[in-house]
Amino acid sequence: MSKELGILKGTTTVGVVCKDGVILGTDTRATMGNFVASKHAKKVYQITDNLAMTIAGGVAVAQRVVEILKVNASLYDLEKNRRMPVSSAARLVQSILFSNRSAGAPLPLQAIIGGYDETGPHVYNLDPYGSLMEEIMVSTGSGSPYAYGVLESQFKEDSSVDEMLSVVVKAVDSAMKRDVASGDSFDVAVINEAGFRELSPEEKKSILNS
């Protein structure tokens, strides 16, 4: 594995599907090898009112892909007068990653695309080679083994967003405590029929302390 792909693993992201929406959670530590480059890195990005994307990997590549997705989602809305489906957003990112896999090395990016559309809540997991999988529960990055320890024991299908918020927070917090490349703080976003919303610092603190 190349050095660039090694950097890809220095993070923790989580995505879960609930009966009434999607929850995305990430830590906020950005690393370059053993160096902590930032304690307040943004890893969950709102694309539209019904779409969001988490990133793990090279920041420049990730931000470029986010911008491409934002522009295409806006064009889709203008041309078709409806919001881009979650599956279409995921396939667009898949195409970008897949088309670059033979250019010497794949793009150093692993992404989770989550959102709510006419068919309900969806979460898609994409790796640097463009592989695409729809999931009901997924975690990426170096902290994912610790996050999965919480998710696999506490995640329940068909639960509500309110019921699963504490599980996502515990999963990210568990990775932050045990994985050296994850840490500092965390962000949580909810996407449901009403749209996209990030939890406030007070809400995150309340859930973590409970």
N, C-alpha and C. Protein backbone atom coordinates (compact mmCIF):
# COMPACT_ATOMS: atom_id res chain seq x y z
N MET A 1 0.85 -1.21 0.00
CA MET A 1 0.00 0.00 0.00
C MET A 1 0.88 1.25 0.00
N SER A 2 0.53 2.21 -0.81
CA SER A 2 1.33 3.43 -0.92
C SER A 2 1.19 4.29 0.32
N LYS A 3 2.14 5.21 0.45
CA LYS A 3 2.09 6.14 1.58
C LYS A 3 0.80 6.95 1.55
N GLU A 4 0.37 7.36 0.33
CA GLU A 4 -0.84 8.17 0.21
C GLU A 4 -2.05 7.41 0.72
N LEU A 5 -2.10 6.12 0.38
CA LEU A 5 -3.23 5.32 0.86
C LEU A 5 -3.13 5.07 2.35
N GLY A 6 -1.91 5.07 2.90
CA GLY A 6 -1.77 4.91 4.34
C GLY A 6 -2.41 6.06 5.08
N ILE A 7 -2.27 7.28 4.54
CA ILE A 7 -2.87 8.45 5.17
C ILE A 7 -4.39 8.33 5.19
N LEU A 8 -4.92 7.61 4.21
CA LEU A 8 -6.36 7.42 4.11
C LEU A 8 -6.97 6.86 5.39
N LYS A 9 -6.20 6.04 6.11
CA LYS A 9 -6.78 5.34 7.25
C LYS A 9 -6.86 6.19 8.52
N GLY A 10 -6.29 7.38 8.53
CA GLY A 10 -6.21 8.15 9.75
C GLY A 10 -7.46 8.92 10.09
N THR A 11 -8.54 8.22 10.37
CA THR A 11 -9.79 8.90 10.70
C THR A 11 -10.83 7.88 11.13
N THR A 12 -11.98 8.37 11.56
CA THR A 12 -13.11 7.49 11.85
C THR A 12 -14.38 8.15 11.33
N THR A 13 -15.09 7.46 10.47
CA THR A 13 -16.40 7.92 10.01
C THR A 13 -17.42 6.81 10.19
N VAL A 14 -18.65 7.19 10.45
CA VAL A 14 -19.73 6.23 10.69
C VAL A 14 -20.98 6.69 9.94
N GLY A 15 -21.69 5.75 9.35
CA GLY A 15 -22.98 6.04 8.74
C GLY A 15 -23.97 4.95 9.05
N VAL A 16 -25.18 5.32 9.49
CA VAL A 16 -26.21 4.33 9.78
C VAL A 16 -27.55 4.77 9.18
N VAL A 17 -28.34 3.77 8.79
CA VAL A 17 -29.67 4.02 8.25
C VAL A 17 -30.70 3.72 9.34
N CYS A 18 -31.57 4.67 9.59
CA CYS A 18 -32.67 4.50 10.54
C CYS A 18 -33.98 4.51 9.76
N LYS A 19 -35.07 4.17 10.43
CA LYS A 19 -36.35 4.10 9.73
C LYS A 19 -36.84 5.48 9.28
N ASP A 20 -36.34 6.54 9.93
CA ASP A 20 -36.81 7.89 9.60
C ASP A 20 -35.69 8.83 9.17
N GLY A 21 -34.52 8.28 8.85
CA GLY A 21 -33.43 9.14 8.42
C GLY A 21 -32.08 8.45 8.46
N VAL A 22 -31.04 9.25 8.24
CA VAL A 22 -29.66 8.78 8.22
C VAL A 22 -28.85 9.58 9.22
N ILE A 23 -27.91 8.91 9.89
CA ILE A 23 -26.98 9.60 10.81
C ILE A 23 -25.57 9.38 10.30
N LEU A 24 -24.81 10.47 10.21
CA LEU A 24 -23.40 10.41 9.84
C LEU A 24 -22.57 11.01 10.97
N GLY A 25 -21.52 10.32 11.38
CA GLY A 25 -20.67 10.82 12.45
C GLY A 25 -19.21 10.69 12.08
N THR A 26 -18.39 11.66 12.49
CA THR A 26 -16.95 11.63 12.23
C THR A 26 -16.19 12.22 13.40
N ASP A 27 -14.91 11.85 13.51
CA ASP A 27 -14.03 12.57 14.43
C ASP A 27 -13.52 13.80 13.70
N THR A 28 -12.70 14.61 14.37
CA THR A 28 -12.22 15.86 13.74
C THR A 28 -10.70 15.97 13.69
N ARG A 29 -9.99 14.88 13.92
CA ARG A 29 -8.53 14.93 13.88
C ARG A 29 -8.02 14.62 12.48
N ALA A 30 -7.13 15.47 11.97
CA ALA A 30 -6.49 15.24 10.68
C ALA A 30 -5.02 14.93 10.91
N THR A 31 -4.54 13.82 10.35
CA THR A 31 -3.16 13.41 10.58
C THR A 31 -2.40 13.28 9.27
N MET A 32 -1.08 13.43 9.38
CA MET A 32 -0.15 13.17 8.28
C MET A 32 0.92 12.26 8.85
N GLY A 33 0.72 10.96 8.71
CA GLY A 33 1.60 10.01 9.38
C GLY A 33 1.37 10.10 10.88
N ASN A 34 2.45 10.40 11.63
CA ASN A 34 2.34 10.55 13.08
C ASN A 34 2.10 11.99 13.52
N PHE A 35 1.97 12.90 12.55
CA PHE A 35 1.80 14.31 12.86
C PHE A 35 0.32 14.68 12.85
N VAL A 36 -0.15 15.32 13.92
CA VAL A 36 -1.53 15.80 13.98
C VAL A 36 -1.60 17.16 13.30
N ALA A 37 -2.15 17.19 12.09
CA ALA A 37 -2.16 18.42 11.30
C ALA A 37 -3.26 19.38 11.75
N SER A 38 -4.36 18.85 12.25
CA SER A 38 -5.47 19.70 12.70
C SER A 38 -6.32 18.93 13.70
N LYS A 39 -6.86 19.68 14.66
CA LYS A 39 -7.77 19.09 15.65
C LYS A 39 -9.22 19.40 15.32
N HIS A 40 -9.43 20.18 14.28
CA HIS A 40 -10.79 20.63 13.96
C HIS A 40 -11.10 20.44 12.48
N ALA A 41 -10.69 19.33 11.91
CA ALA A 41 -10.90 19.06 10.49
C ALA A 41 -12.37 18.72 10.22
N LYS A 42 -12.87 19.26 9.12
CA LYS A 42 -14.24 18.97 8.69
C LYS A 42 -14.23 17.69 7.87
N LYS A 43 -15.03 16.72 8.27
CA LYS A 43 -15.06 15.44 7.56
C LYS A 43 -16.46 15.03 7.12
N VAL A 44 -17.48 15.81 7.49
CA VAL A 44 -18.82 15.56 6.99
C VAL A 44 -19.30 16.84 6.30
N TYR A 45 -19.67 16.71 5.04
CA TYR A 45 -20.03 17.86 4.22
C TYR A 45 -21.47 17.76 3.74
N GLN A 46 -22.22 18.84 3.90
CA GLN A 46 -23.55 18.90 3.32
C GLN A 46 -23.42 19.14 1.82
N ILE A 47 -24.10 18.32 1.04
CA ILE A 47 -24.10 18.48 -0.42
C ILE A 47 -25.35 19.26 -0.84
N THR A 48 -26.52 18.80 -0.41
CA THR A 48 -27.79 19.49 -0.63
C THR A 48 -28.61 19.33 0.65
N ASP A 49 -29.87 19.73 0.60
CA ASP A 49 -30.74 19.56 1.76
C ASP A 49 -30.98 18.09 2.08
N ASN A 50 -30.78 17.21 1.11
CA ASN A 50 -31.08 15.80 1.34
C ASN A 50 -29.86 14.89 1.21
N LEU A 51 -28.66 15.47 1.00
CA LEU A 51 -27.46 14.68 0.78
C LEU A 51 -26.29 15.18 1.61
N ALA A 52 -25.44 14.25 2.04
CA ALA A 52 -24.19 14.60 2.71
C ALA A 52 -23.14 13.54 2.41
N MET A 53 -21.89 13.90 2.65
CA MET A 53 -20.78 13.00 2.34
C MET A 53 -19.73 13.10 3.42
N THR A 54 -19.24 11.97 3.90
CA THR A 54 -18.11 11.96 4.82
C THR A 54 -16.86 11.60 4.05
N ILE A 55 -15.72 12.06 4.54
CA ILE A 55 -14.46 11.83 3.83
C ILE A 55 -13.41 11.22 4.75
N ALA A 56 -12.57 10.38 4.14
CA ALA A 56 -11.37 9.86 4.79
C ALA A 56 -10.31 9.78 3.73
N GLY A 57 -9.19 10.47 3.93
CA GLY A 57 -8.13 10.44 2.93
C GLY A 57 -7.52 11.79 2.69
N GLY A 58 -7.01 11.99 1.49
CA GLY A 58 -6.36 13.24 1.14
C GLY A 58 -7.35 14.39 1.10
N VAL A 59 -7.04 15.46 1.81
CA VAL A 59 -7.97 16.58 1.95
C VAL A 59 -8.25 17.26 0.61
N ALA A 60 -7.21 17.52 -0.18
CA ALA A 60 -7.39 18.22 -1.45
C ALA A 60 -8.28 17.42 -2.39
N VAL A 61 -8.02 16.13 -2.50
CA VAL A 61 -8.84 15.26 -3.35
C VAL A 61 -10.27 15.23 -2.85
N ALA A 62 -10.45 15.07 -1.55
CA ALA A 62 -11.78 14.98 -0.97
C ALA A 62 -12.59 16.25 -1.22
N GLN A 63 -11.96 17.40 -1.01
CA GLN A 63 -12.67 18.66 -1.20
C GLN A 63 -13.04 18.87 -2.66
N ARG A 64 -12.17 18.43 -3.58
CA ARG A 64 -12.47 18.53 -5.01
C ARG A 64 -13.67 17.67 -5.38
N VAL A 65 -13.71 16.45 -4.86
CA VAL A 65 -14.84 15.56 -5.15
C VAL A 65 -16.13 16.11 -4.55
N VAL A 66 -16.05 16.68 -3.36
CA VAL A 66 -17.22 17.30 -2.73
C VAL A 66 -17.75 18.43 -3.62
N GLU A 67 -16.86 19.27 -4.14
CA GLU A 67 -17.30 20.37 -4.99
C GLU A 67 -17.93 19.88 -6.29
N ILE A 68 -17.36 18.84 -6.88
CA ILE A 68 -17.93 18.26 -8.10
C ILE A 68 -19.33 17.73 -7.82
N LEU A 69 -19.49 17.06 -6.70
CA LEU A 69 -20.79 16.51 -6.34
C LEU A 69 -21.81 17.62 -6.08
N LYS A 70 -21.38 18.68 -5.40
CA LYS A 70 -22.28 19.81 -5.13
C LYS A 70 -22.78 20.44 -6.43
N VAL A 71 -21.86 20.69 -7.36
CA VAL A 71 -22.24 21.32 -8.62
C VAL A 71 -23.21 20.43 -9.41
N ASN A 72 -22.92 19.16 -9.49
CA ASN A 72 -23.78 18.25 -10.24
C ASN A 72 -25.14 18.05 -9.58
N ALA A 73 -25.18 18.08 -8.25
CA ALA A 73 -26.46 17.98 -7.55
C ALA A 73 -27.32 19.21 -7.82
N SER A 74 -26.68 20.39 -7.87
CA SER A 74 -27.40 21.62 -8.17
C SER A 74 -27.93 21.61 -9.60
N LEU A 75 -27.11 21.14 -10.56
CA LEU A 75 -27.53 21.05 -11.95
C LEU A 75 -28.68 20.06 -12.11
N TYR A 76 -28.61 18.97 -11.39
CA TYR A 76 -29.68 17.97 -11.43
C TYR A 76 -31.00 18.59 -10.97
N ASP A 77 -30.94 19.36 -9.89
CA ASP A 77 -32.13 20.03 -9.36
C ASP A 77 -32.69 21.01 -10.37
N LEU A 78 -31.82 21.79 -11.03
CA LEU A 78 -32.27 22.78 -12.01
C LEU A 78 -32.88 22.13 -13.25
N GLU A 79 -32.26 21.06 -13.73
CA GLU A 79 -32.70 20.43 -14.96
C GLU A 79 -33.96 19.58 -14.78
N LYS A 80 -34.05 18.88 -13.65
CA LYS A 80 -35.14 17.94 -13.45
C LYS A 80 -36.18 18.42 -12.44
N ASN A 81 -35.89 19.57 -11.81
CA ASN A 81 -36.80 20.15 -10.83
C ASN A 81 -37.12 19.18 -9.69
N ARG A 82 -36.14 18.40 -9.31
CA ARG A 82 -36.26 17.53 -8.14
C ARG A 82 -34.86 17.23 -7.60
N ARG A 83 -34.80 16.77 -6.38
CA ARG A 83 -33.52 16.54 -5.74
C ARG A 83 -32.83 15.30 -6.29
N MET A 84 -31.52 15.34 -6.34
CA MET A 84 -30.75 14.18 -6.80
C MET A 84 -30.95 13.00 -5.86
N PRO A 85 -31.29 11.83 -6.37
CA PRO A 85 -31.40 10.64 -5.51
C PRO A 85 -30.05 10.29 -4.89
N VAL A 86 -30.09 9.65 -3.74
CA VAL A 86 -28.86 9.28 -3.05
C VAL A 86 -28.03 8.33 -3.91
N SER A 87 -28.69 7.39 -4.58
CA SER A 87 -27.97 6.43 -5.42
C SER A 87 -27.25 7.11 -6.57
N SER A 88 -27.85 8.16 -7.15
CA SER A 88 -27.21 8.89 -8.25
C SER A 88 -25.96 9.61 -7.77
N ALA A 89 -26.04 10.21 -6.58
CA ALA A 89 -24.87 10.88 -6.00
C ALA A 89 -23.74 9.88 -5.76
N ALA A 90 -24.10 8.72 -5.25
CA ALA A 90 -23.09 7.69 -4.97
C ALA A 90 -22.45 7.19 -6.26
N ARG A 91 -23.26 7.01 -7.31
CA ARG A 91 -22.71 6.53 -8.59
C ARG A 91 -21.80 7.57 -9.25
N LEU A 92 -22.10 8.85 -9.04
CA LEU A 92 -21.24 9.90 -9.57
C LEU A 92 -19.86 9.84 -8.92
N VAL A 93 -19.82 9.74 -7.60
CA VAL A 93 -18.54 9.63 -6.90
C VAL A 93 -17.84 8.34 -7.28
N GLN A 94 -18.60 7.26 -7.44
CA GLN A 94 -18.02 5.99 -7.89
C GLN A 94 -17.33 6.15 -9.24
N SER A 95 -17.97 6.87 -10.16
CA SER A 95 -17.39 7.09 -11.49
C SER A 95 -16.08 7.86 -11.41
N ILE A 96 -16.03 8.87 -10.54
CA ILE A 96 -14.81 9.66 -10.38
C ILE A 96 -13.67 8.79 -9.85
N LEU A 97 -13.96 8.00 -8.84
CA LEU A 97 -12.94 7.14 -8.24
C LEU A 97 -12.50 6.04 -9.20
N PHE A 98 -13.47 5.41 -9.86
CA PHE A 98 -13.16 4.30 -10.77
C PHE A 98 -12.33 4.77 -11.96
N SER A 99 -12.64 5.95 -12.49
CA SER A 99 -11.94 6.44 -13.66
C SER A 99 -10.50 6.84 -13.37
N ASN A 100 -10.16 7.02 -12.08
CA ASN A 100 -8.80 7.40 -11.70
C ASN A 100 -7.99 6.23 -11.15
N ARG A 101 -8.56 5.05 -11.11
CA ARG A 101 -7.86 3.94 -10.46
C ARG A 101 -6.66 3.44 -11.24
N SER A 102 -6.61 3.71 -12.55
CA SER A 102 -5.50 3.22 -13.36
C SER A 102 -4.45 4.29 -13.65
N ALA A 103 -4.58 5.45 -13.01
CA ALA A 103 -3.64 6.55 -13.26
C ALA A 103 -2.43 6.47 -12.34
N GLY A 104 -1.84 5.29 -12.21
CA GLY A 104 -0.67 5.11 -11.36
C GLY A 104 -1.04 4.66 -9.96
N ALA A 105 -2.05 5.31 -9.39
CA ALA A 105 -2.53 4.95 -8.06
C ALA A 105 -3.95 5.49 -7.92
N PRO A 106 -4.81 4.80 -7.18
CA PRO A 106 -6.17 5.31 -6.99
C PRO A 106 -6.18 6.59 -6.17
N LEU A 107 -7.24 7.35 -6.28
CA LEU A 107 -7.36 8.56 -5.47
C LEU A 107 -7.42 8.19 -4.00
N PRO A 108 -6.68 8.90 -3.14
CA PRO A 108 -6.66 8.57 -1.70
C PRO A 108 -7.93 9.07 -1.01
N LEU A 109 -9.05 8.42 -1.30
CA LEU A 109 -10.32 8.86 -0.73
C LEU A 109 -11.25 7.68 -0.50
N GLN A 110 -11.79 7.61 0.70
CA GLN A 110 -12.89 6.69 0.98
C GLN A 110 -14.04 7.55 1.48
N ALA A 111 -15.22 7.29 0.96
CA ALA A 111 -16.35 8.17 1.24
C ALA A 111 -17.58 7.38 1.68
N ILE A 112 -18.40 8.04 2.47
CA ILE A 112 -19.74 7.55 2.78
C ILE A 112 -20.71 8.60 2.25
N ILE A 113 -21.63 8.19 1.39
CA ILE A 113 -22.69 9.07 0.89
C ILE A 113 -23.98 8.69 1.60
N GLY A 114 -24.58 9.64 2.27
CA GLY A 114 -25.82 9.38 2.98
C GLY A 114 -26.87 10.42 2.65
N GLY A 115 -28.12 10.00 2.67
CA GLY A 115 -29.17 10.97 2.38
C GLY A 115 -30.56 10.38 2.45
N TYR A 116 -31.52 11.24 2.16
CA TYR A 116 -32.94 10.87 2.22
C TYR A 116 -33.61 11.36 0.94
N ASP A 117 -34.22 10.45 0.19
CA ASP A 117 -34.90 10.84 -1.05
C ASP A 117 -36.29 10.23 -1.11
N GLU A 118 -36.87 10.18 -2.32
CA GLU A 118 -38.24 9.70 -2.48
C GLU A 118 -38.41 8.25 -2.07
N THR A 119 -37.31 7.50 -2.06
CA THR A 119 -37.38 6.08 -1.68
C THR A 119 -36.97 5.85 -0.24
N GLY A 120 -36.66 6.91 0.50
CA GLY A 120 -36.32 6.78 1.91
C GLY A 120 -34.86 7.05 2.20
N PRO A 121 -34.37 6.62 3.37
CA PRO A 121 -32.98 6.87 3.77
C PRO A 121 -32.03 5.83 3.17
N HIS A 122 -30.82 6.29 2.78
CA HIS A 122 -29.83 5.39 2.19
C HIS A 122 -28.43 5.80 2.61
N VAL A 123 -27.54 4.81 2.72
CA VAL A 123 -26.12 5.05 2.97
C VAL A 123 -25.32 4.17 2.02
N TYR A 124 -24.33 4.78 1.35
CA TYR A 124 -23.45 4.05 0.42
C TYR A 124 -22.00 4.23 0.85
N ASN A 125 -21.25 3.15 0.74
CA ASN A 125 -19.83 3.14 1.10
C ASN A 125 -19.00 3.00 -0.18
N LEU A 126 -18.01 3.88 -0.38
CA LEU A 126 -17.16 3.84 -1.56
C LEU A 126 -15.70 3.76 -1.16
N ASP A 127 -14.94 2.88 -1.82
CA ASP A 127 -13.51 2.78 -1.54
C ASP A 127 -12.71 3.48 -2.65
N PRO A 128 -11.39 3.61 -2.51
CA PRO A 128 -10.59 4.37 -3.49
C PRO A 128 -10.64 3.81 -4.91
N TYR A 129 -10.97 2.53 -5.05
CA TYR A 129 -11.00 1.92 -6.38
C TYR A 129 -12.36 2.07 -7.06
N GLY A 130 -13.33 2.68 -6.39
CA GLY A 130 -14.63 2.89 -6.98
C GLY A 130 -15.64 1.81 -6.67
N SER A 131 -15.31 0.89 -5.77
CA SER A 131 -16.29 -0.11 -5.36
C SER A 131 -17.40 0.57 -4.58
N LEU A 132 -18.63 0.17 -4.83
CA LEU A 132 -19.80 0.82 -4.23
C LEU A 132 -20.69 -0.22 -3.57
N MET A 133 -21.02 0.03 -2.31
CA MET A 133 -21.89 -0.89 -1.57
C MET A 133 -22.93 -0.08 -0.80
N GLU A 134 -24.19 -0.48 -0.92
CA GLU A 134 -25.21 0.13 -0.06
C GLU A 134 -25.20 -0.60 1.27
N GLU A 135 -25.20 0.15 2.35
CA GLU A 135 -25.11 -0.42 3.69
C GLU A 135 -26.24 0.10 4.57
N ILE A 136 -26.50 -0.61 5.65
CA ILE A 136 -27.40 -0.07 6.67
C ILE A 136 -26.59 0.44 7.87
N MET A 137 -25.33 0.00 7.93
CA MET A 137 -24.44 0.42 9.00
C MET A 137 -23.01 0.24 8.51
N VAL A 138 -22.18 1.30 8.59
CA VAL A 138 -20.82 1.20 8.07
C VAL A 138 -19.90 2.15 8.81
N SER A 139 -18.62 1.78 8.89
CA SER A 139 -17.60 2.66 9.46
C SER A 139 -16.35 2.53 8.61
N THR A 140 -15.60 3.63 8.45
CA THR A 140 -14.36 3.60 7.68
C THR A 140 -13.24 4.24 8.49
N GLY A 141 -12.01 3.99 8.03
CA GLY A 141 -10.85 4.61 8.66
C GLY A 141 -10.18 3.73 9.68
N SER A 142 -9.07 4.22 10.22
CA SER A 142 -8.27 3.43 11.16
C SER A 142 -9.00 3.14 12.46
N GLY A 143 -9.99 3.98 12.81
CA GLY A 143 -10.75 3.75 14.03
C GLY A 143 -11.95 2.86 13.84
N SER A 144 -12.17 2.37 12.63
CA SER A 144 -13.38 1.60 12.34
C SER A 144 -13.50 0.28 13.14
N PRO A 145 -12.40 -0.44 13.41
CA PRO A 145 -12.57 -1.66 14.23
C PRO A 145 -13.19 -1.37 15.60
N TYR A 146 -12.82 -0.25 16.19
CA TYR A 146 -13.37 0.11 17.50
C TYR A 146 -14.81 0.59 17.37
N ALA A 147 -15.09 1.33 16.30
CA ALA A 147 -16.45 1.79 16.06
C ALA A 147 -17.38 0.61 15.81
N TYR A 148 -16.90 -0.36 15.03
CA TYR A 148 -17.71 -1.54 14.74
C TYR A 148 -18.02 -2.34 16.01
N GLY A 149 -17.09 -2.30 16.97
CA GLY A 149 -17.34 -3.00 18.23
C GLY A 149 -18.60 -2.50 18.90
N VAL A 150 -18.85 -1.19 18.81
CA VAL A 150 -20.07 -0.60 19.38
C VAL A 150 -21.25 -0.83 18.45
N LEU A 151 -21.06 -0.56 17.16
CA LEU A 151 -22.17 -0.66 16.21
C LEU A 151 -22.75 -2.07 16.12
N GLU A 152 -21.89 -3.07 16.05
CA GLU A 152 -22.37 -4.44 15.88
C GLU A 152 -23.09 -4.96 17.11
N SER A 153 -22.80 -4.39 18.27
CA SER A 153 -23.46 -4.85 19.48
C SER A 153 -24.71 -4.03 19.82
N GLN A 154 -24.80 -2.78 19.31
CA GLN A 154 -25.90 -1.92 19.73
C GLN A 154 -26.80 -1.42 18.60
N PHE A 155 -26.32 -1.51 17.35
CA PHE A 155 -27.16 -1.06 16.24
C PHE A 155 -28.32 -2.03 16.01
N LYS A 156 -29.51 -1.46 15.84
CA LYS A 156 -30.70 -2.27 15.56
C LYS A 156 -31.43 -1.70 14.36
N GLU A 157 -31.74 -2.59 13.40
CA GLU A 157 -32.46 -2.15 12.22
C GLU A 157 -33.84 -1.62 12.59
N ASP A 158 -34.33 -0.69 11.77
CA ASP A 158 -35.67 -0.11 11.95
C ASP A 158 -35.81 0.71 13.23
N SER A 159 -34.68 1.12 13.79
CA SER A 159 -34.74 2.02 14.94
C SER A 159 -34.89 3.46 14.42
N SER A 160 -35.30 4.35 15.30
CA SER A 160 -35.45 5.76 14.91
C SER A 160 -34.11 6.48 15.04
N VAL A 161 -34.03 7.67 14.45
CA VAL A 161 -32.84 8.50 14.58
C VAL A 161 -32.57 8.80 16.04
N ASP A 162 -33.59 9.15 16.78
CA ASP A 162 -33.42 9.48 18.20
C ASP A 162 -32.83 8.30 18.98
N GLU A 163 -33.24 7.08 18.62
CA GLU A 163 -32.75 5.90 19.32
C GLU A 163 -31.29 5.58 18.96
N MET A 164 -30.87 5.92 17.75
CA MET A 164 -29.54 5.55 17.27
C MET A 164 -28.49 6.64 17.45
N LEU A 165 -28.90 7.87 17.77
CA LEU A 165 -27.92 8.95 17.93
C LEU A 165 -26.87 8.60 18.98
N SER A 166 -27.29 8.07 20.10
CA SER A 166 -26.34 7.75 21.16
C SER A 166 -25.39 6.64 20.74
N VAL A 167 -25.87 5.70 19.92
CA VAL A 167 -25.03 4.60 19.45
C VAL A 167 -23.94 5.12 18.51
N VAL A 168 -24.30 6.02 17.60
CA VAL A 168 -23.30 6.60 16.69
C VAL A 168 -22.27 7.40 17.47
N VAL A 169 -22.72 8.19 18.43
CA VAL A 169 -21.79 8.98 19.24
C VAL A 169 -20.86 8.06 20.03
N LYS A 170 -21.39 6.98 20.61
CA LYS A 170 -20.56 6.04 21.35
C LYS A 170 -19.54 5.36 20.44
N ALA A 171 -19.96 5.05 19.21
CA ALA A 171 -19.07 4.38 18.27
C ALA A 171 -17.88 5.28 17.92
N VAL A 172 -18.15 6.54 17.60
CA VAL A 172 -17.07 7.48 17.27
C VAL A 172 -16.21 7.74 18.50
N ASP A 173 -16.84 7.91 19.65
CA ASP A 173 -16.10 8.17 20.88
C ASP A 173 -15.19 7.00 21.25
N SER A 174 -15.67 5.79 21.02
CA SER A 174 -14.86 4.61 21.30
C SER A 174 -13.60 4.59 20.44
N ALA A 175 -13.74 4.95 19.15
CA ALA A 175 -12.58 5.01 18.26
C ALA A 175 -11.63 6.12 18.67
N MET A 176 -12.19 7.27 19.07
CA MET A 176 -11.35 8.39 19.47
C MET A 176 -10.49 8.06 20.69
N LYS A 177 -11.01 7.23 21.57
CA LYS A 177 -10.28 6.88 22.79
C LYS A 177 -9.20 5.83 22.55
N ARG A 178 -9.35 5.04 21.48
CA ARG A 178 -8.47 3.89 21.29
C ARG A 178 -7.57 3.97 20.06
N ASP A 179 -7.92 4.81 19.10
CA ASP A 179 -7.14 4.92 17.87
C ASP A 179 -6.37 6.23 17.89
N VAL A 180 -5.04 6.15 17.75
CA VAL A 180 -4.19 7.34 17.87
C VAL A 180 -4.45 8.34 16.73
N ALA A 181 -4.93 7.87 15.59
CA ALA A 181 -5.15 8.77 14.45
C ALA A 181 -6.54 9.39 14.46
N SER A 182 -7.37 9.03 15.44
CA SER A 182 -8.70 9.62 15.59
C SER A 182 -8.76 10.35 16.91
N GLY A 183 -9.57 11.41 16.97
CA GLY A 183 -9.67 12.07 18.26
C GLY A 183 -10.06 13.52 18.21
N ASP A 184 -9.83 14.19 19.36
CA ASP A 184 -10.05 15.62 19.60
C ASP A 184 -11.52 15.96 19.78
N SER A 185 -12.35 15.80 18.76
CA SER A 185 -13.77 16.10 18.88
C SER A 185 -14.51 15.30 17.82
N PHE A 186 -15.82 15.53 17.70
CA PHE A 186 -16.58 14.79 16.69
C PHE A 186 -17.74 15.63 16.18
N ASP A 187 -18.18 15.31 14.97
CA ASP A 187 -19.34 15.95 14.35
C ASP A 187 -20.39 14.90 14.04
N VAL A 188 -21.65 15.28 14.18
CA VAL A 188 -22.77 14.37 13.87
C VAL A 188 -23.80 15.13 13.05
N ALA A 189 -24.23 14.52 11.95
CA ALA A 189 -25.25 15.12 11.09
C ALA A 189 -26.41 14.15 10.92
N VAL A 190 -27.62 14.70 10.85
CA VAL A 190 -28.83 13.92 10.63
C VAL A 190 -29.48 14.40 9.34
N ILE A 191 -29.87 13.46 8.50
CA ILE A 191 -30.60 13.80 7.27
C ILE A 191 -31.90 13.01 7.26
N ASN A 192 -33.00 13.73 7.23
CA ASN A 192 -34.30 13.08 7.18
C ASN A 192 -35.22 13.83 6.22
N GLU A 193 -36.50 13.56 6.30
CA GLU A 193 -37.45 14.18 5.38
C GLU A 193 -37.44 15.70 5.49
N ALA A 194 -37.09 16.21 6.67
CA ALA A 194 -37.05 17.66 6.89
C ALA A 194 -35.79 18.31 6.34
N GLY A 195 -34.75 17.50 6.04
CA GLY A 195 -33.52 18.05 5.50
C GLY A 195 -32.29 17.67 6.30
N PHE A 196 -31.23 18.45 6.10
CA PHE A 196 -29.92 18.20 6.73
C PHE A 196 -29.77 19.07 7.98
N ARG A 197 -29.24 18.45 9.04
CA ARG A 197 -28.99 19.21 10.27
C ARG A 197 -27.79 18.63 11.00
N GLU A 198 -26.89 19.52 11.42
CA GLU A 198 -25.77 19.10 12.26
C GLU A 198 -26.11 19.37 13.72
N LEU A 199 -25.72 18.44 14.57
CA LEU A 199 -25.97 18.62 16.00
C LEU A 199 -25.11 19.74 16.56
N SER A 200 -25.67 20.50 17.48
CA SER A 200 -24.95 21.59 18.12
C SER A 200 -23.97 21.01 19.16
N PRO A 201 -22.97 21.79 19.56
CA PRO A 201 -22.05 21.32 20.61
C PRO A 201 -22.78 20.90 21.88
N GLU A 202 -23.85 21.63 22.22
CA GLU A 202 -24.61 21.30 23.43
C GLU A 202 -25.30 19.94 23.27
N GLU A 203 -25.86 19.68 22.10
CA GLU A 203 -26.53 18.40 21.86
C GLU A 203 -25.54 17.25 21.91
N LYS A 204 -24.38 17.44 21.31
CA LYS A 204 -23.36 16.38 21.30
C LYS A 204 -22.87 16.10 22.72
N LYS A 205 -22.65 17.13 23.48
CA LYS A 205 -22.19 16.97 24.85
C LYS A 205 -23.23 16.24 25.69
N SER A 206 -24.50 16.60 25.51
CA SER A 206 -25.58 15.97 26.26
C SER A 206 -25.68 14.49 25.95
N ILE A 207 -25.59 14.12 24.65
CA ILE A 207 -25.66 12.71 24.26
C ILE A 207 -24.47 11.94 24.80
N LEU A 208 -23.28 12.53 24.71
CA LEU A 208 -22.07 11.86 25.18
C LEU A 208 -22.11 11.63 26.69
N ASN A 209 -22.58 12.61 27.42
CA ASN A 209 -22.62 12.50 28.88
C ASN A 209 -23.71 11.55 29.36
N SER A 210 -24.73 11.34 28.52
CA SER A 210 -25.83 10.46 28.94
C SER A 210 -25.46 8.99 28.80
